[in-house]
Amino acid sequence: GAVTSILKDFSNDVLEQTNEAVKDVATEARDELKVEGEFQNR
């Protein structure tokens, strides 16, 4: 039970950190697409 509890806490931490990274990178990509491209006069 102790090992299971430790592994569950670790996996929750990894999942939380991964989700935050996905949010940050996705919003950066969106912001980059808003200014990217050679069609400036639209």
Full PDB file with SEQRES, HELIX, SHEET, SSBOND, CRYST1, ORIGX, SCALE, CONECT and MASTER records, all heavy atoms in Angstrom:
SEQRES   1 A   42  GLY ALA VAL THR SER ILE LEU LYS ASP PHE SER ASN ASP          
SEQRES   2 A   42  VAL LEU GLU GLN THR ASN GLU ALA VAL LYS ASP VAL ALA          
SEQRES   3 A   42  THR GLU ALA ARG ASP GLU LEU LYS VAL GLU GLY GLU PHE          
SEQRES   4 A   42  GLN ASN ARG                                                  
HELIX    1 AA1 ALA A    2  VAL A   35  1                                  34    
CRYST1    1.000    1.000    1.000  90.00  90.00  90.00 P 1           1          
ORIGX1      1.000000  0.000000  0.000000        0.00000                         
ORIGX2      0.000000  1.000000  0.000000        0.00000                         
ORIGX3      0.000000  0.000000  1.000000        0.00000                         
SCALE1      1.000000  0.000000  0.000000        0.00000                         
SCALE2      0.000000  1.000000  0.000000        0.00000                         
SCALE3      0.000000  0.000000  1.000000        0.00000                         
ATOM      1  N   GLY A   1       0.812  -1.211   0.000  1.00  0.00           N  
ATOM      2  CA  GLY A   1       0.000   0.000   0.000  1.00  0.00           C  
ATOM      3  C   GLY A   1       0.847   1.263   0.000  1.00  0.00           C  
ATOM      4  O   GLY A   1       0.499   2.254  -0.649  1.00  0.00           O  
ATOM      5  N   ALA A   2       1.985   1.245   0.708  1.00  0.00           N  
ATOM      6  CA  ALA A   2       2.861   2.417   0.758  1.00  0.00           C  
ATOM      7  C   ALA A   2       3.497   2.680  -0.606  1.00  0.00           C  
ATOM      8  O   ALA A   2       3.552   3.828  -1.064  1.00  0.00           O  
ATOM      9  CB  ALA A   2       3.946   2.209   1.813  1.00  0.00           C  
ATOM     10  N   VAL A   3       3.952   1.641  -1.262  1.00  0.00           N  
ATOM     11  CA  VAL A   3       4.553   1.805  -2.584  1.00  0.00           C  
ATOM     12  C   VAL A   3       3.501   2.292  -3.579  1.00  0.00           C  
ATOM     13  O   VAL A   3       3.762   3.186  -4.389  1.00  0.00           O  
ATOM     14  CB  VAL A   3       5.206   0.486  -3.060  1.00  0.00           C  
ATOM     15  CG1 VAL A   3       5.611   0.569  -4.524  1.00  0.00           C  
ATOM     16  CG2 VAL A   3       6.395   0.144  -2.203  1.00  0.00           C  
ATOM     17  N   THR A   4       2.314   1.737  -3.512  1.00  0.00           N  
ATOM     18  CA  THR A   4       1.230   2.165  -4.398  1.00  0.00           C  
ATOM     19  C   THR A   4       0.904   3.633  -4.179  1.00  0.00           C  
ATOM     20  O   THR A   4       0.703   4.390  -5.137  1.00  0.00           O  
ATOM     21  CB  THR A   4      -0.023   1.299  -4.159  1.00  0.00           C  
ATOM     22  OG1 THR A   4       0.315  -0.073  -4.379  1.00  0.00           O  
ATOM     23  CG2 THR A   4      -1.143   1.695  -5.098  1.00  0.00           C  
ATOM     24  N   SER A   5       0.869   4.059  -2.942  1.00  0.00           N  
ATOM     25  CA  SER A   5       0.577   5.456  -2.627  1.00  0.00           C  
ATOM     26  C   SER A   5       1.659   6.393  -3.160  1.00  0.00           C  
ATOM     27  O   SER A   5       1.361   7.449  -3.735  1.00  0.00           O  
ATOM     28  CB  SER A   5       0.447   5.621  -1.115  1.00  0.00           C  
ATOM     29  OG  SER A   5       0.292   6.966  -0.768  1.00  0.00           O  
ATOM     30  N   ILE A   6       2.906   6.008  -3.001  1.00  0.00           N  
ATOM     31  CA  ILE A   6       4.020   6.829  -3.490  1.00  0.00           C  
ATOM     32  C   ILE A   6       3.974   6.934  -5.013  1.00  0.00           C  
ATOM     33  O   ILE A   6       4.136   8.021  -5.574  1.00  0.00           O  
ATOM     34  CB  ILE A   6       5.364   6.241  -3.013  1.00  0.00           C  
ATOM     35  CG1 ILE A   6       5.505   6.423  -1.505  1.00  0.00           C  
ATOM     36  CG2 ILE A   6       6.531   6.883  -3.742  1.00  0.00           C  
ATOM     37  CD1 ILE A   6       6.655   5.661  -0.897  1.00  0.00           C  
ATOM     38  N   LEU A   7       3.736   5.822  -5.695  1.00  0.00           N  
ATOM     39  CA  LEU A   7       3.674   5.837  -7.151  1.00  0.00           C  
ATOM     40  C   LEU A   7       2.481   6.646  -7.660  1.00  0.00           C  
ATOM     41  O   LEU A   7       2.581   7.344  -8.680  1.00  0.00           O  
ATOM     42  CB  LEU A   7       3.628   4.418  -7.701  1.00  0.00           C  
ATOM     43  CG  LEU A   7       4.914   3.611  -7.551  1.00  0.00           C  
ATOM     44  CD1 LEU A   7       4.716   2.186  -8.044  1.00  0.00           C  
ATOM     45  CD2 LEU A   7       6.058   4.281  -8.290  1.00  0.00           C  
ATOM     46  N   LYS A   8       1.366   6.586  -6.964  1.00  0.00           N  
ATOM     47  CA  LYS A   8       0.189   7.358  -7.363  1.00  0.00           C  
ATOM     48  C   LYS A   8       0.455   8.856  -7.210  1.00  0.00           C  
ATOM     49  O   LYS A   8       0.100   9.655  -8.083  1.00  0.00           O  
ATOM     50  CB  LYS A   8      -1.025   6.958  -6.527  1.00  0.00           C  
ATOM     51  CG  LYS A   8      -2.321   7.592  -7.010  1.00  0.00           C  
ATOM     52  CD  LYS A   8      -3.505   7.153  -6.171  1.00  0.00           C  
ATOM     53  CE  LYS A   8      -3.931   5.798  -6.671  1.00  0.00           C  
ATOM     54  NZ  LYS A   8      -5.180   5.345  -6.039  1.00  0.00           N  
ATOM     55  N   ASP A   9       1.100   9.246  -6.096  1.00  0.00           N  
ATOM     56  CA  ASP A   9       1.458  10.655  -5.908  1.00  0.00           C  
ATOM     57  C   ASP A   9       2.422  11.123  -6.987  1.00  0.00           C  
ATOM     58  O   ASP A   9       2.279  12.225  -7.532  1.00  0.00           O  
ATOM     59  CB  ASP A   9       2.092  10.873  -4.532  1.00  0.00           C  
ATOM     60  CG  ASP A   9       1.092  10.729  -3.398  1.00  0.00           C  
ATOM     61  OD1 ASP A   9      -0.131  10.783  -3.665  1.00  0.00           O  
ATOM     62  OD2 ASP A   9       1.548  10.571  -2.248  1.00  0.00           O  
ATOM     63  N   PHE A  10       3.404  10.288  -7.328  1.00  0.00           N  
ATOM     64  CA  PHE A  10       4.372  10.631  -8.361  1.00  0.00           C  
ATOM     65  C   PHE A  10       3.687  10.783  -9.718  1.00  0.00           C  
ATOM     66  O   PHE A  10       3.936  11.743 -10.450  1.00  0.00           O  
ATOM     67  CB  PHE A  10       5.470   9.570  -8.444  1.00  0.00           C  
ATOM     68  CG  PHE A  10       6.449   9.811  -9.547  1.00  0.00           C  
ATOM     69  CD1 PHE A  10       7.394  10.820  -9.448  1.00  0.00           C  
ATOM     70  CD2 PHE A  10       6.424   9.040 -10.700  1.00  0.00           C  
ATOM     71  CE1 PHE A  10       8.298  11.054 -10.459  1.00  0.00           C  
ATOM     72  CE2 PHE A  10       7.321   9.279 -11.724  1.00  0.00           C  
ATOM     73  CZ  PHE A  10       8.257  10.286 -11.597  1.00  0.00           C  
ATOM     74  N   SER A  11       2.811   9.850 -10.058  1.00  0.00           N  
ATOM     75  CA  SER A  11       2.139   9.926 -11.355  1.00  0.00           C  
ATOM     76  C   SER A  11       1.222  11.138 -11.425  1.00  0.00           C  
ATOM     77  O   SER A  11       1.099  11.767 -12.482  1.00  0.00           O  
ATOM     78  CB  SER A  11       1.365   8.641 -11.652  1.00  0.00           C  
ATOM     79  OG  SER A  11       0.262   8.504 -10.778  1.00  0.00           O  
ATOM     80  N   ASN A  12       0.591  11.521 -10.311  1.00  0.00           N  
ATOM     81  CA  ASN A  12      -0.237  12.729 -10.300  1.00  0.00           C  
ATOM     82  C   ASN A  12       0.614  13.980 -10.516  1.00  0.00           C  
ATOM     83  O   ASN A  12       0.205  14.899 -11.225  1.00  0.00           O  
ATOM     84  CB  ASN A  12      -1.022  12.840  -8.995  1.00  0.00           C  
ATOM     85  CG  ASN A  12      -2.152  11.832  -8.915  1.00  0.00           C  
ATOM     86  OD1 ASN A  12      -2.599  11.306  -9.916  1.00  0.00           O  
ATOM     87  ND2 ASN A  12      -2.594  11.554  -7.703  1.00  0.00           N  
ATOM     88  N   ASP A  13       1.792  14.019  -9.908  1.00  0.00           N  
ATOM     89  CA  ASP A  13       2.700  15.153 -10.097  1.00  0.00           C  
ATOM     90  C   ASP A  13       3.173  15.246 -11.551  1.00  0.00           C  
ATOM     91  O   ASP A  13       3.212  16.328 -12.132  1.00  0.00           O  
ATOM     92  CB  ASP A  13       3.908  15.040  -9.167  1.00  0.00           C  
ATOM     93  CG  ASP A  13       3.554  15.275  -7.712  1.00  0.00           C  
ATOM     94  OD1 ASP A  13       2.474  15.839  -7.451  1.00  0.00           O  
ATOM     95  OD2 ASP A  13       4.364  14.897  -6.845  1.00  0.00           O  
ATOM     96  N   VAL A  14       3.530  14.102 -12.125  1.00  0.00           N  
ATOM     97  CA  VAL A  14       3.979  14.075 -13.518  1.00  0.00           C  
ATOM     98  C   VAL A  14       2.850  14.526 -14.441  1.00  0.00           C  
ATOM     99  O   VAL A  14       3.064  15.335 -15.355  1.00  0.00           O  
ATOM    100  CB  VAL A  14       4.471  12.664 -13.906  1.00  0.00           C  
ATOM    101  CG1 VAL A  14       4.674  12.540 -15.416  1.00  0.00           C  
ATOM    102  CG2 VAL A  14       5.753  12.330 -13.173  1.00  0.00           C  
ATOM    103  N   LEU A  15       1.641  14.048 -14.197  1.00  0.00           N  
ATOM    104  CA  LEU A  15       0.492  14.424 -15.013  1.00  0.00           C  
ATOM    105  C   LEU A  15       0.211  15.918 -14.915  1.00  0.00           C  
ATOM    106  O   LEU A  15      -0.049  16.585 -15.921  1.00  0.00           O  
ATOM    107  CB  LEU A  15      -0.736  13.618 -14.586  1.00  0.00           C  
ATOM    108  CG  LEU A  15      -1.996  13.799 -15.413  1.00  0.00           C  
ATOM    109  CD1 LEU A  15      -1.764  13.330 -16.839  1.00  0.00           C  
ATOM    110  CD2 LEU A  15      -3.137  13.025 -14.784  1.00  0.00           C  
ATOM    111  N   GLU A  16       0.302  16.456 -13.719  1.00  0.00           N  
ATOM    112  CA  GLU A  16       0.062  17.893 -13.516  1.00  0.00           C  
ATOM    113  C   GLU A  16       1.107  18.742 -14.243  1.00  0.00           C  
ATOM    114  O   GLU A  16       0.767  19.709 -14.938  1.00  0.00           O  
ATOM    115  CB  GLU A  16       0.083  18.201 -12.020  1.00  0.00           C  
ATOM    116  CG  GLU A  16      -0.207  19.636 -11.679  1.00  0.00           C  
ATOM    117  CD  GLU A  16      -0.163  19.859 -10.180  1.00  0.00           C  
ATOM    118  OE1 GLU A  16      -0.755  19.043  -9.440  1.00  0.00           O  
ATOM    119  OE2 GLU A  16       0.465  20.846  -9.766  1.00  0.00           O  
ATOM    120  N   GLN A  17       2.374  18.372 -14.124  1.00  0.00           N  
ATOM    121  CA  GLN A  17       3.443  19.114 -14.781  1.00  0.00           C  
ATOM    122  C   GLN A  17       3.331  19.006 -16.313  1.00  0.00           C  
ATOM    123  O   GLN A  17       3.559  19.984 -17.030  1.00  0.00           O  
ATOM    124  CB  GLN A  17       4.822  18.616 -14.331  1.00  0.00           C  
ATOM    125  CG  GLN A  17       5.120  18.905 -12.883  1.00  0.00           C  
ATOM    126  CD  GLN A  17       5.169  20.391 -12.604  1.00  0.00           C  
ATOM    127  OE1 GLN A  17       5.633  21.182 -13.412  1.00  0.00           O  
ATOM    128  NE2 GLN A  17       4.658  20.773 -11.453  1.00  0.00           N  
ATOM    129  N   THR A  18       2.976  17.830 -16.798  1.00  0.00           N  
ATOM    130  CA  THR A  18       2.823  17.632 -18.236  1.00  0.00           C  
ATOM    131  C   THR A  18       1.657  18.457 -18.776  1.00  0.00           C  
ATOM    132  O   THR A  18       1.764  19.085 -19.830  1.00  0.00           O  
ATOM    133  CB  THR A  18       2.610  16.141 -18.543  1.00  0.00           C  
ATOM    134  OG1 THR A  18       3.695  15.395 -18.006  1.00  0.00           O  
ATOM    135  CG2 THR A  18       2.523  15.883 -20.027  1.00  0.00           C  
ATOM    136  N   ASN A  19       0.541  18.475 -18.057  1.00  0.00           N  
ATOM    137  CA  ASN A  19      -0.616  19.259 -18.487  1.00  0.00           C  
ATOM    138  C   ASN A  19      -0.299  20.752 -18.540  1.00  0.00           C  
ATOM    139  O   ASN A  19      -0.714  21.455 -19.461  1.00  0.00           O  
ATOM    140  CB  ASN A  19      -1.809  19.012 -17.565  1.00  0.00           C  
ATOM    141  CG  ASN A  19      -2.424  17.648 -17.770  1.00  0.00           C  
ATOM    142  OD1 ASN A  19      -2.130  16.954 -18.738  1.00  0.00           O  
ATOM    143  ND2 ASN A  19      -3.282  17.244 -16.855  1.00  0.00           N  
ATOM    144  N   GLU A  20       0.441  21.235 -17.557  1.00  0.00           N  
ATOM    145  CA  GLU A  20       0.832  22.647 -17.561  1.00  0.00           C  
ATOM    146  C   GLU A  20       1.746  22.960 -18.746  1.00  0.00           C  
ATOM    147  O   GLU A  20       1.621  24.016 -19.379  1.00  0.00           O  
ATOM    148  CB  GLU A  20       1.523  23.011 -16.249  1.00  0.00           C  
ATOM    149  CG  GLU A  20       0.581  23.074 -15.065  1.00  0.00           C  
ATOM    150  CD  GLU A  20       1.303  23.373 -13.760  1.00  0.00           C  
ATOM    151  OE1 GLU A  20       2.480  23.794 -13.811  1.00  0.00           O  
ATOM    152  OE2 GLU A  20       0.698  23.185 -12.699  1.00  0.00           O  
ATOM    153  N   ALA A  21       2.655  22.048 -19.051  1.00  0.00           N  
ATOM    154  CA  ALA A  21       3.555  22.243 -20.195  1.00  0.00           C  
ATOM    155  C   ALA A  21       2.765  22.269 -21.497  1.00  0.00           C  
ATOM    156  O   ALA A  21       3.030  23.095 -22.375  1.00  0.00           O  
ATOM    157  CB  ALA A  21       4.612  21.139 -20.233  1.00  0.00           C  
ATOM    158  N   VAL A  22       1.775  21.389 -21.633  1.00  0.00           N  
ATOM    159  CA  VAL A  22       0.940  21.359 -22.837  1.00  0.00           C  
ATOM    160  C   VAL A  22       0.187  22.672 -22.985  1.00  0.00           C  
ATOM    161  O   VAL A  22       0.124  23.248 -24.082  1.00  0.00           O  
ATOM    162  CB  VAL A  22      -0.034  20.153 -22.793  1.00  0.00           C  
ATOM    163  CG1 VAL A  22      -1.111  20.273 -23.856  1.00  0.00           C  
ATOM    164  CG2 VAL A  22       0.727  18.849 -22.959  1.00  0.00           C  
ATOM    165  N   LYS A  23      -0.372  23.187 -21.899  1.00  0.00           N  
ATOM    166  CA  LYS A  23      -1.100  24.461 -21.958  1.00  0.00           C  
ATOM    167  C   LYS A  23      -0.179  25.603 -22.388  1.00  0.00           C  
ATOM    168  O   LYS A  23      -0.542  26.409 -23.247  1.00  0.00           O  
ATOM    169  CB  LYS A  23      -1.708  24.785 -20.591  1.00  0.00           C  
ATOM    170  CG  LYS A  23      -2.898  23.958 -20.227  1.00  0.00           C  
ATOM    171  CD  LYS A  23      -3.413  24.332 -18.851  1.00  0.00           C  
ATOM    172  CE  LYS A  23      -4.537  23.421 -18.418  1.00  0.00           C  
ATOM    173  NZ  LYS A  23      -5.006  23.728 -17.056  1.00  0.00           N  
ATOM    174  N   ASP A  24       0.998  25.660 -21.793  1.00  0.00           N  
ATOM    175  CA  ASP A  24       1.928  26.744 -22.104  1.00  0.00           C  
ATOM    176  C   ASP A  24       2.387  26.700 -23.558  1.00  0.00           C  
ATOM    177  O   ASP A  24       2.388  27.723 -24.255  1.00  0.00           O  
ATOM    178  CB  ASP A  24       3.140  26.695 -21.171  1.00  0.00           C  
ATOM    179  CG  ASP A  24       2.784  27.015 -19.727  1.00  0.00           C  
ATOM    180  OD1 ASP A  24       1.691  27.558 -19.495  1.00  0.00           O  
ATOM    181  OD2 ASP A  24       3.614  26.722 -18.840  1.00  0.00           O  
ATOM    182  N   VAL A  25       2.769  25.527 -24.028  1.00  0.00           N  
ATOM    183  CA  VAL A  25       3.289  25.405 -25.386  1.00  0.00           C  
ATOM    184  C   VAL A  25       2.178  25.639 -26.408  1.00  0.00           C  
ATOM    185  O   VAL A  25       2.402  26.279 -27.444  1.00  0.00           O  
ATOM    186  CB  VAL A  25       3.964  24.030 -25.587  1.00  0.00           C  
ATOM    187  CG1 VAL A  25       4.307  23.784 -27.043  1.00  0.00           C  
ATOM    188  CG2 VAL A  25       5.211  23.933 -24.731  1.00  0.00           C  
ATOM    189  N   ALA A  26       0.975  25.179 -26.135  1.00  0.00           N  
ATOM    190  CA  ALA A  26      -0.139  25.376 -27.075  1.00  0.00           C  
ATOM    191  C   ALA A  26      -0.492  26.852 -27.204  1.00  0.00           C  
ATOM    192  O   ALA A  26      -0.731  27.342 -28.317  1.00  0.00           O  
ATOM    193  CB  ALA A  26      -1.351  24.575 -26.630  1.00  0.00           C  
ATOM    194  N   THR A  27      -0.508  27.574 -26.100  1.00  0.00           N  
ATOM    195  CA  THR A  27      -0.820  28.999 -26.190  1.00  0.00           C  
ATOM    196  C   THR A  27       0.307  29.764 -26.889  1.00  0.00           C  
ATOM    197  O   THR A  27       0.043  30.707 -27.635  1.00  0.00           O  
ATOM    198  CB  THR A  27      -1.101  29.605 -24.807  1.00  0.00           C  
ATOM    199  OG1 THR A  27      -0.016  29.328 -23.928  1.00  0.00           O  
ATOM    200  CG2 THR A  27      -2.390  29.061 -24.224  1.00  0.00           C  
ATOM    201  N   GLU A  28       1.561  29.340 -26.679  1.00  0.00           N  
ATOM    202  CA  GLU A  28       2.683  29.954 -27.401  1.00  0.00           C  
ATOM    203  C   GLU A  28       2.558  29.706 -28.899  1.00  0.00           C  
ATOM    204  O   GLU A  28       2.810  30.606 -29.710  1.00  0.00           O  
ATOM    205  CB  GLU A  28       4.015  29.392 -26.910  1.00  0.00           C  
ATOM    206  CG  GLU A  28       4.477  29.926 -25.596  1.00  0.00           C  
ATOM    207  CD  GLU A  28       5.802  29.310 -25.157  1.00  0.00           C  
ATOM    208  OE1 GLU A  28       6.577  28.846 -26.035  1.00  0.00           O  
ATOM    209  OE2 GLU A  28       6.060  29.291 -23.952  1.00  0.00           O  
ATOM    210  N   ALA A  29       2.177  28.487 -29.279  1.00  0.00           N  
ATOM    211  CA  ALA A  29       2.015  28.156 -30.702  1.00  0.00           C  
ATOM    212  C   ALA A  29       0.897  28.988 -31.315  1.00  0.00           C  
ATOM    213  O   ALA A  29       1.029  29.486 -32.436  1.00  0.00           O  
ATOM    214  CB  ALA A  29       1.738  26.667 -30.869  1.00  0.00           C  
ATOM    215  N   ARG A  30      -0.210  29.157 -30.591  1.00  0.00           N  
ATOM    216  CA  ARG A  30      -1.307  29.980 -31.086  1.00  0.00           C  
ATOM    217  C   ARG A  30      -0.846  31.412 -31.304  1.00  0.00           C  
ATOM    218  O   ARG A  30      -1.108  32.014 -32.342  1.00  0.00           O  
ATOM    219  CB  ARG A  30      -2.478  29.961 -30.100  1.00  0.00           C  
ATOM    220  CG  ARG A  30      -3.644  30.828 -30.574  1.00  0.00           C  
ATOM    221  CD  ARG A  30      -4.505  31.331 -29.464  1.00  0.00           C  
ATOM    222  NE  ARG A  30      -3.722  32.093 -28.501  1.00  0.00           N  
ATOM    223  CZ  ARG A  30      -4.056  32.221 -27.238  1.00  0.00           C  
ATOM    224  NH1 ARG A  30      -5.127  31.639 -26.769  1.00  0.00           N  
ATOM    225  NH2 ARG A  30      -3.315  32.939 -26.420  1.00  0.00           N  
ATOM    226  N   ASP A  31      -0.134  31.956 -30.329  1.00  0.00           N  
ATOM    227  CA  ASP A  31       0.349  33.322 -30.445  1.00  0.00           C  
ATOM    228  C   ASP A  31       1.339  33.473 -31.604  1.00  0.00           C  
ATOM    229  O   ASP A  31       1.351  34.489 -32.296  1.00  0.00           O  
ATOM    230  CB  ASP A  31       0.997  33.773 -29.140  1.00  0.00           C  
ATOM    231  CG  ASP A  31      -0.002  33.854 -27.993  1.00  0.00           C  
ATOM    232  OD1 ASP A  31      -1.228  33.908 -28.269  1.00  0.00           O  
ATOM    233  OD2 ASP A  31       0.440  33.848 -26.827  1.00  0.00           O  
ATOM    234  N   GLU A  32       2.153  32.451 -31.822  1.00  0.00           N  
ATOM    235  CA  GLU A  32       3.118  32.498 -32.911  1.00  0.00           C  
ATOM    236  C   GLU A  32       2.417  32.424 -34.272  1.00  0.00           C  
ATOM    237  O   GLU A  32       2.816  33.095 -35.218  1.00  0.00           O  
ATOM    238  CB  GLU A  32       4.115  31.348 -32.772  1.00  0.00           C  
ATOM    239  CG  GLU A  32       5.332  31.504 -33.623  1.00  0.00           C  
ATOM    240  CD  GLU A  32       6.394  30.482 -33.278  1.00  0.00           C  
ATOM    241  OE1 GLU A  32       6.518  30.112 -32.100  1.00  0.00           O  
ATOM    242  OE2 GLU A  32       7.101  30.062 -34.206  1.00  0.00           O  
ATOM    243  N   LEU A  33       1.353  31.630 -34.369  1.00  0.00           N  
ATOM    244  CA  LEU A  33       0.617  31.543 -35.626  1.00  0.00           C  
ATOM    245  C   LEU A  33      -0.101  32.849 -35.953  1.00  0.00           C  
ATOM    246  O   LEU A  33      -0.336  33.153 -37.122  1.00  0.00           O  
ATOM    247  CB  LEU A  33      -0.396  30.399 -35.568  1.00  0.00           C  
ATOM    248  CG  LEU A  33       0.189  29.017 -35.808  1.00  0.00           C  
ATOM    249  CD1 LEU A  33      -0.817  27.942 -35.443  1.00  0.00           C  
ATOM    250  CD2 LEU A  33       0.642  28.863 -37.245  1.00  0.00           C  
ATOM    251  N   LYS A  34      -0.430  33.625 -34.935  1.00  0.00           N  
ATOM    252  CA  LYS A  34      -1.098  34.905 -35.174  1.00  0.00           C  
ATOM    253  C   LYS A  34      -0.179  35.915 -35.852  1.00  0.00           C  
ATOM    254  O   LYS A  34      -0.649  36.835 -36.509  1.00  0.00           O  
ATOM    255  CB  LYS A  34      -1.623  35.490 -33.860  1.00  0.00           C  
ATOM    256  CG  LYS A  34      -2.866  34.790 -33.357  1.00  0.00           C  
ATOM    257  CD  LYS A  34      -3.416  35.477 -32.136  1.00  0.00           C  
ATOM    258  CE  LYS A  34      -4.708  34.815 -31.689  1.00  0.00           C  
ATOM    259  NZ  LYS A  34      -5.321  35.522 -30.572  1.00  0.00           N  
ATOM    260  N   VAL A  35       1.129  35.754 -35.703  1.00  0.00           N  
ATOM    261  CA  VAL A  35       2.064  36.697 -36.324  1.00  0.00           C  
ATOM    262  C   VAL A  35       2.895  36.061 -37.435  1.00  0.00           C  
ATOM    263  O   VAL A  35       3.611  36.766 -38.129  1.00  0.00           O  
ATOM    264  CB  VAL A  35       3.013  37.315 -35.269  1.00  0.00           C  
ATOM    265  CG1 VAL A  35       2.245  38.113 -34.263  1.00  0.00           C  
ATOM    266  CG2 VAL A  35       3.861  36.262 -34.598  1.00  0.00           C  
ATOM    267  N   GLU A  36       2.813  34.751 -37.607  1.00  0.00           N  
ATOM    268  CA  GLU A  36       3.627  34.037 -38.586  1.00  0.00           C  
ATOM    269  C   GLU A  36       3.018  34.161 -39.979  1.00  0.00           C  
ATOM    270  O   GLU A  36       1.823  34.324 -40.142  1.00  0.00           O  
ATOM    271  CB  GLU A  36       3.723  32.553 -38.198  1.00  0.00           C  
ATOM    272  CG  GLU A  36       4.686  31.747 -39.008  1.00  0.00           C  
ATOM    273  CD  GLU A  36       6.119  32.159 -38.786  1.00  0.00           C  
ATOM    274  OE1 GLU A  36       6.479  32.537 -37.667  1.00  0.00           O  
ATOM    275  OE2 GLU A  36       6.882  32.098 -39.746  1.00  0.00           O  
ATOM    276  N   GLY A  37       3.832  34.102 -40.986  1.00  0.00           N  
ATOM    277  CA  GLY A  37       3.361  34.084 -42.362  1.00  0.00           C  
ATOM    278  C   GLY A  37       3.768  35.330 -43.114  1.00  0.00           C  
ATOM    279  O   GLY A  37       4.022  36.379 -42.537  1.00  0.00           O  
ATOM    280  N   GLU A  38       3.811  35.204 -44.428  1.00  0.00           N  
ATOM    281  CA  GLU A  38       4.260  36.295 -45.280  1.00  0.00           C  
ATOM    282  C   GLU A  38       3.101  37.095 -45.865  1.00  0.00           C  
ATOM    283  O   GLU A  38       3.293  37.902 -46.744  1.00  0.00           O  
ATOM    284  CB  GLU A  38       5.106  35.712 -46.411  1.00  0.00           C  
ATOM    285  CG  GLU A  38       6.314  34.966 -45.906  1.00  0.00           C  
ATOM    286  CD  GLU A  38       6.976  34.167 -46.997  1.00  0.00           C  
ATOM    287  OE1 GLU A  38       6.556  34.272 -48.156  1.00  0.00           O  
ATOM    288  OE2 GLU A  38       7.908  33.426 -46.675  1.00  0.00           O  
ATOM    289  N   PHE A  39       1.898  36.860 -45.411  1.00  0.00           N  
ATOM    290  CA  PHE A  39       0.726  37.539 -45.956  1.00  0.00           C  
ATOM    291  C   PHE A  39       0.310  38.666 -45.011  1.00  0.00           C  
ATOM    292  O   PHE A  39      -0.760  38.677 -44.439  1.00  0.00           O  
ATOM    293  CB  PHE A  39      -0.427  36.545 -46.166  1.00  0.00           C  
ATOM    294  CG  PHE A  39      -0.532  35.516 -45.079  1.00  0.00           C  
ATOM    295  CD1 PHE A  39      -1.315  35.722 -43.963  1.00  0.00           C  
ATOM    296  CD2 PHE A  39       0.190  34.341 -45.183  1.00  0.00           C  
ATOM    297  CE1 PHE A  39      -1.397  34.775 -42.970  1.00  0.00           C  
ATOM    298  CE2 PHE A  39       0.102  33.386 -44.184  1.00  0.00           C  
ATOM    299  CZ  PHE A  39      -0.696  33.611 -43.075  1.00  0.00           C  
ATOM    300  N   GLN A  40       1.179  39.661 -44.878  1.00  0.00           N  
ATOM    301  CA  GLN A  40       1.003  40.741 -43.910  1.00  0.00           C  
ATOM    302  C   GLN A  40      -0.106  41.719 -44.297  1.00  0.00           C  
ATOM    303  O   GLN A  40      -0.674  42.374 -43.449  1.00  0.00           O  
ATOM    304  CB  GLN A  40       2.311  41.523 -43.752  1.00  0.00           C  
ATOM    305  CG  GLN A  40       3.472  40.698 -43.280  1.00  0.00           C  
ATOM    306  CD  GLN A  40       3.323  40.243 -41.837  1.00  0.00           C  
ATOM    307  OE1 GLN A  40       2.546  40.803 -41.088  1.00  0.00           O  
ATOM    308  NE2 GLN A  40       4.048  39.215 -41.462  1.00  0.00           N  
ATOM    309  N   ASN A  41      -0.417  41.847 -45.576  1.00  0.00           N  
ATOM    310  CA  ASN A  41      -1.339  42.892 -46.006  1.00  0.00           C  
ATOM    311  C   ASN A  41      -2.805  42.450 -45.997  1.00  0.00           C  
ATOM    312  O   ASN A  41      -3.616  43.037 -46.694  1.00  0.00           O  
ATOM    313  CB  ASN A  41      -0.949  43.377 -47.402  1.00  0.00           C  
ATOM    314  CG  ASN A  41      -0.946  42.251 -48.413  1.00  0.00           C  
ATOM    315  OD1 ASN A  41      -1.053  41.089 -48.056  1.00  0.00           O  
ATOM    316  ND2 ASN A  41      -0.804  42.601 -49.677  1.00  0.00           N  
ATOM    317  N   ARG A  42      -3.163  41.473 -45.251  1.00  0.00           N  
ATOM    318  CA  ARG A  42      -4.537  40.987 -45.194  1.00  0.00           C  
ATOM    319  C   ARG A  42      -5.301  41.693 -44.071  1.00  0.00           C  
ATOM    320  O   ARG A  42      -4.722  42.381 -43.233  1.00  0.00           O  
ATOM    321  CB  ARG A  42      -4.572  39.472 -44.977  1.00  0.00           C  
ATOM    322  CG  ARG A  42      -3.888  38.702 -46.057  1.00  0.00           C  
ATOM    323  CD  ARG A  42      -4.650  38.845 -47.354  1.00  0.00           C  
ATOM    324  NE  ARG A  42      -4.002  38.067 -48.391  1.00  0.00           N  
ATOM    325  CZ  ARG A  42      -4.122  38.328 -49.661  1.00  0.00           C  
ATOM    326  NH1 ARG A  42      -4.848  39.337 -50.066  1.00  0.00           N  
ATOM    327  NH2 ARG A  42      -3.513  37.596 -50.546  1.00  0.00           N  
TER     328      ARG A  42                                                      
MASTER        0    0    0    1    0    0    0    6  327    1    0    4          
END                                                                             
